[in-house]
Amino acid sequence: MRYDVIFAPEAVKDAQRLKPHLRPLVREAIEQSLRHAPARVSKSRIKRLRGVSRPQFRLRAGEVRVFYDVHATTVDILAIVPKSEAARWLKQEGTRE
């Protein structure tokens, strides 16, 4: 099953702020991992987040983290942040269970 990937306005701005050499890496990771199996947890790439109801998942793409939710046929990308800012973003924007 192919999922539609929808970027939140904040995620679009985050992607534009990335360094130019990181953009293709993130785009490829999103296409490869989130289009077909966004909820398939792996040891290295996709992690289901605990303690928060939103975002549900985190995708690791090198030094960048992509936070997203999965619905029936869509993946909502909420944020694309550098690893160094990921914990701070999650603390500020994450919705506790």
N, C-alpha and C. Protein backbone atom coordinates (compact mmCIF):
# COMPACT_ATOMS: atom_id res chain seq x y z
N MET A 1 0.83 -1.18 0.00
CA MET A 1 0.00 0.00 0.00
C MET A 1 0.89 1.25 0.00
N ARG A 2 0.54 2.18 -0.82
CA ARG A 2 1.30 3.43 -0.93
C ARG A 2 0.61 4.52 -0.12
N TYR A 3 1.34 5.15 0.77
CA TYR A 3 0.82 6.23 1.61
C TYR A 3 1.08 7.57 0.97
N ASP A 4 0.15 8.50 1.17
CA ASP A 4 0.36 9.88 0.74
C ASP A 4 1.13 10.59 1.86
N VAL A 5 2.17 11.31 1.50
CA VAL A 5 2.96 12.05 2.48
C VAL A 5 2.55 13.51 2.42
N ILE A 6 2.11 14.03 3.56
CA ILE A 6 1.65 15.40 3.66
C ILE A 6 2.56 16.15 4.63
N PHE A 7 3.11 17.26 4.17
CA PHE A 7 4.00 18.07 4.98
C PHE A 7 3.22 19.19 5.65
N ALA A 8 3.37 19.32 6.96
CA ALA A 8 2.81 20.47 7.67
C ALA A 8 3.58 21.71 7.23
N PRO A 9 2.96 22.88 7.28
CA PRO A 9 3.68 24.11 6.88
C PRO A 9 5.01 24.29 7.62
N GLU A 10 5.04 23.92 8.90
CA GLU A 10 6.28 24.03 9.68
C GLU A 10 7.35 23.09 9.14
N ALA A 11 6.94 21.89 8.71
CA ALA A 11 7.89 20.92 8.17
C ALA A 11 8.48 21.41 6.85
N VAL A 12 7.68 22.10 6.05
CA VAL A 12 8.18 22.66 4.79
C VAL A 12 9.26 23.70 5.10
N LYS A 13 8.98 24.56 6.08
CA LYS A 13 9.96 25.57 6.47
C LYS A 13 11.22 24.92 7.03
N ASP A 14 11.03 23.85 7.83
CA ASP A 14 12.18 23.13 8.38
C ASP A 14 13.04 22.56 7.26
N ALA A 15 12.41 21.98 6.24
CA ALA A 15 13.15 21.39 5.12
C ALA A 15 13.93 22.45 4.36
N GLN A 16 13.35 23.63 4.21
CA GLN A 16 14.03 24.70 3.51
C GLN A 16 15.23 25.23 4.28
N ARG A 17 15.17 25.10 5.61
CA ARG A 17 16.28 25.57 6.45
C ARG A 17 17.44 24.58 6.52
N LEU A 18 17.23 23.36 6.06
CA LEU A 18 18.30 22.36 6.09
C LEU A 18 19.45 22.78 5.19
N LYS A 19 20.63 22.31 5.52
CA LYS A 19 21.78 22.55 4.65
C LYS A 19 21.52 21.86 3.32
N PRO A 20 21.95 22.45 2.22
CA PRO A 20 21.65 21.89 0.90
C PRO A 20 22.09 20.44 0.71
N HIS A 21 23.19 20.03 1.30
CA HIS A 21 23.64 18.65 1.10
C HIS A 21 22.79 17.64 1.89
N LEU A 22 21.99 18.10 2.86
CA LEU A 22 21.14 17.19 3.64
C LEU A 22 19.76 16.98 3.03
N ARG A 23 19.31 17.92 2.22
CA ARG A 23 17.96 17.84 1.64
C ARG A 23 17.71 16.56 0.84
N PRO A 24 18.62 16.18 -0.08
CA PRO A 24 18.37 14.93 -0.83
C PRO A 24 18.37 13.70 0.06
N LEU A 25 19.19 13.68 1.09
CA LEU A 25 19.24 12.56 2.03
C LEU A 25 17.90 12.40 2.74
N VAL A 26 17.35 13.50 3.20
CA VAL A 26 16.06 13.47 3.90
C VAL A 26 14.94 13.09 2.93
N ARG A 27 14.94 13.67 1.75
CA ARG A 27 13.91 13.36 0.75
C ARG A 27 13.94 11.87 0.40
N GLU A 28 15.12 11.31 0.22
CA GLU A 28 15.25 9.89 -0.10
C GLU A 28 14.76 9.01 1.05
N ALA A 29 15.10 9.37 2.28
CA ALA A 29 14.67 8.60 3.45
C ALA A 29 13.15 8.62 3.57
N ILE A 30 12.54 9.77 3.31
CA ILE A 30 11.08 9.88 3.37
C ILE A 30 10.45 9.00 2.29
N GLU A 31 10.94 9.10 1.08
CA GLU A 31 10.38 8.29 -0.02
C GLU A 31 10.57 6.79 0.23
N GLN A 32 11.73 6.42 0.68
CA GLN A 32 12.06 5.00 0.86
C GLN A 32 11.32 4.38 2.05
N SER A 33 11.26 5.10 3.17
CA SER A 33 10.71 4.51 4.38
C SER A 33 9.25 4.84 4.63
N LEU A 34 8.80 6.01 4.27
CA LEU A 34 7.46 6.43 4.67
C LEU A 34 6.39 6.21 3.61
N ARG A 35 6.76 6.05 2.37
CA ARG A 35 5.75 5.84 1.32
C ARG A 35 5.08 4.48 1.43
N HIS A 36 5.82 3.46 1.85
CA HIS A 36 5.28 2.09 1.79
C HIS A 36 5.07 1.43 3.15
N ALA A 37 5.90 1.74 4.14
CA ALA A 37 5.78 1.09 5.45
C ALA A 37 6.17 2.06 6.56
N PRO A 38 5.38 3.11 6.77
CA PRO A 38 5.78 4.13 7.74
C PRO A 38 5.72 3.68 9.20
N ALA A 39 4.97 2.62 9.49
CA ALA A 39 4.84 2.16 10.87
C ALA A 39 5.74 0.97 11.18
N ARG A 40 6.54 0.54 10.22
CA ARG A 40 7.44 -0.60 10.44
C ARG A 40 8.66 -0.12 11.21
N VAL A 41 8.69 -0.47 12.48
CA VAL A 41 9.77 -0.04 13.37
C VAL A 41 11.03 -0.83 13.05
N SER A 42 12.16 -0.14 13.03
CA SER A 42 13.44 -0.80 12.81
C SER A 42 14.43 -0.32 13.86
N LYS A 43 15.50 -1.04 14.03
CA LYS A 43 16.48 -0.67 15.04
C LYS A 43 17.22 0.60 14.67
N SER A 44 17.38 0.85 13.40
CA SER A 44 18.23 1.98 13.02
C SER A 44 17.48 3.19 12.46
N ARG A 45 16.32 3.01 11.86
CA ARG A 45 15.68 4.13 11.16
C ARG A 45 14.42 4.66 11.81
N ILE A 46 13.44 3.80 12.02
CA ILE A 46 12.13 4.25 12.49
C ILE A 46 11.92 3.80 13.93
N LYS A 47 11.46 4.75 14.75
CA LYS A 47 11.22 4.47 16.15
C LYS A 47 9.83 4.96 16.53
N ARG A 48 9.06 4.11 17.19
CA ARG A 48 7.76 4.54 17.73
C ARG A 48 8.05 5.26 19.03
N LEU A 49 7.53 6.46 19.16
CA LEU A 49 7.82 7.28 20.34
C LEU A 49 6.91 6.89 21.49
N ARG A 50 7.48 6.84 22.68
CA ARG A 50 6.72 6.49 23.88
C ARG A 50 6.52 7.74 24.73
N GLY A 51 5.42 7.77 25.46
CA GLY A 51 5.16 8.88 26.36
C GLY A 51 4.51 10.08 25.69
N VAL A 52 4.38 10.05 24.37
CA VAL A 52 3.70 11.12 23.64
C VAL A 52 2.69 10.51 22.69
N SER A 53 1.58 11.21 22.51
CA SER A 53 0.58 10.72 21.56
C SER A 53 0.76 11.35 20.19
N ARG A 54 1.47 12.47 20.17
CA ARG A 54 1.75 13.15 18.90
C ARG A 54 3.09 13.82 19.02
N PRO A 55 4.03 13.57 18.23
CA PRO A 55 4.06 12.68 17.07
C PRO A 55 4.16 11.21 17.49
N GLN A 56 3.74 10.34 16.60
CA GLN A 56 3.76 8.92 16.88
C GLN A 56 5.12 8.29 16.59
N PHE A 57 5.82 8.79 15.56
CA PHE A 57 7.05 8.15 15.10
C PHE A 57 8.15 9.16 14.83
N ARG A 58 9.40 8.63 14.77
CA ARG A 58 10.57 9.42 14.41
C ARG A 58 11.38 8.63 13.39
N LEU A 59 11.74 9.30 12.31
CA LEU A 59 12.59 8.71 11.27
C LEU A 59 13.96 9.34 11.38
N ARG A 60 15.00 8.51 11.39
CA ARG A 60 16.37 9.01 11.44
C ARG A 60 16.92 9.01 10.02
N ALA A 61 17.40 10.16 9.60
CA ALA A 61 18.03 10.30 8.28
C ALA A 61 19.36 11.01 8.49
N GLY A 62 20.39 10.25 8.80
CA GLY A 62 21.69 10.85 9.09
C GLY A 62 21.62 11.66 10.37
N GLU A 63 21.96 12.93 10.30
CA GLU A 63 21.94 13.82 11.46
C GLU A 63 20.63 14.61 11.55
N VAL A 64 19.61 14.14 10.85
CA VAL A 64 18.31 14.82 10.83
C VAL A 64 17.25 13.86 11.34
N ARG A 65 16.27 14.41 12.08
CA ARG A 65 15.15 13.62 12.57
C ARG A 65 13.86 14.15 11.98
N VAL A 66 13.02 13.22 11.51
CA VAL A 66 11.72 13.56 10.93
C VAL A 66 10.65 13.00 11.87
N PHE A 67 9.83 13.88 12.42
CA PHE A 67 8.74 13.47 13.32
C PHE A 67 7.45 13.44 12.52
N TYR A 68 6.68 12.35 12.69
CA TYR A 68 5.47 12.19 11.87
C TYR A 68 4.42 11.34 12.55
N ASP A 69 3.18 11.44 12.05
CA ASP A 69 2.04 10.64 12.47
C ASP A 69 1.58 9.81 11.28
N VAL A 70 1.04 8.62 11.57
CA VAL A 70 0.52 7.75 10.52
C VAL A 70 -0.98 7.62 10.71
N HIS A 71 -1.72 7.81 9.62
CA HIS A 71 -3.17 7.63 9.61
C HIS A 71 -3.48 6.52 8.61
N ALA A 72 -4.74 6.30 8.30
CA ALA A 72 -5.15 5.18 7.44
C ALA A 72 -4.38 5.13 6.12
N THR A 73 -4.35 6.21 5.39
CA THR A 73 -3.67 6.21 4.08
C THR A 73 -2.69 7.36 3.93
N THR A 74 -2.44 8.09 5.01
CA THR A 74 -1.56 9.25 4.93
C THR A 74 -0.49 9.23 6.02
N VAL A 75 0.60 9.91 5.72
CA VAL A 75 1.65 10.17 6.69
C VAL A 75 1.75 11.69 6.81
N ASP A 76 1.56 12.21 8.02
CA ASP A 76 1.65 13.65 8.25
C ASP A 76 3.01 13.96 8.86
N ILE A 77 3.85 14.64 8.10
CA ILE A 77 5.16 15.03 8.60
C ILE A 77 4.99 16.33 9.37
N LEU A 78 5.35 16.29 10.66
CA LEU A 78 5.15 17.44 11.54
C LEU A 78 6.37 18.33 11.62
N ALA A 79 7.57 17.73 11.60
CA ALA A 79 8.79 18.52 11.75
C ALA A 79 9.98 17.76 11.18
N ILE A 80 10.95 18.52 10.71
CA ILE A 80 12.23 17.99 10.24
C ILE A 80 13.30 18.82 10.95
N VAL A 81 13.97 18.21 11.91
CA VAL A 81 14.91 18.98 12.74
C VAL A 81 16.26 18.27 12.84
N PRO A 82 17.32 19.04 13.05
CA PRO A 82 18.63 18.42 13.27
C PRO A 82 18.61 17.61 14.57
N LYS A 83 19.46 16.62 14.65
CA LYS A 83 19.53 15.76 15.83
C LYS A 83 19.74 16.58 17.09
N SER A 84 20.55 17.61 17.01
CA SER A 84 20.86 18.42 18.18
C SER A 84 19.65 19.16 18.73
N GLU A 85 18.63 19.38 17.92
CA GLU A 85 17.44 20.10 18.35
C GLU A 85 16.23 19.18 18.58
N ALA A 86 16.38 17.89 18.32
CA ALA A 86 15.25 16.96 18.36
C ALA A 86 14.63 16.85 19.74
N ALA A 87 15.42 16.70 20.79
CA ALA A 87 14.88 16.56 22.14
C ALA A 87 14.14 17.83 22.56
N ARG A 88 14.70 18.97 22.25
CA ARG A 88 14.05 20.24 22.60
C ARG A 88 12.72 20.39 21.86
N TRP A 89 12.71 20.06 20.57
CA TRP A 89 11.48 20.16 19.78
C TRP A 89 10.41 19.23 20.35
N LEU A 90 10.80 18.01 20.66
CA LEU A 90 9.85 17.03 21.17
C LEU A 90 9.28 17.46 22.52
N LYS A 91 10.12 18.04 23.35
CA LYS A 91 9.66 18.52 24.66
C LYS A 91 8.66 19.68 24.49
N GLN A 92 8.92 20.58 23.55
CA GLN A 92 8.04 21.73 23.34
C GLN A 92 6.77 21.38 22.59
N GLU A 93 6.91 20.59 21.53
CA GLU A 93 5.78 20.36 20.62
C GLU A 93 5.06 19.03 20.82
N GLY A 94 5.69 18.09 21.47
CA GLY A 94 5.07 16.77 21.65
C GLY A 94 3.86 16.85 22.56
N THR A 95 2.83 16.06 22.27
CA THR A 95 1.63 16.01 23.09
C THR A 95 1.72 14.78 23.98
N ARG A 96 1.75 15.00 25.28
CA ARG A 96 1.86 13.91 26.24
C ARG A 96 0.61 13.05 26.24
N GLU A 97 0.81 11.76 26.53
CA GLU A 97 -0.32 10.83 26.58
C GLU A 97 -1.13 11.04 27.84
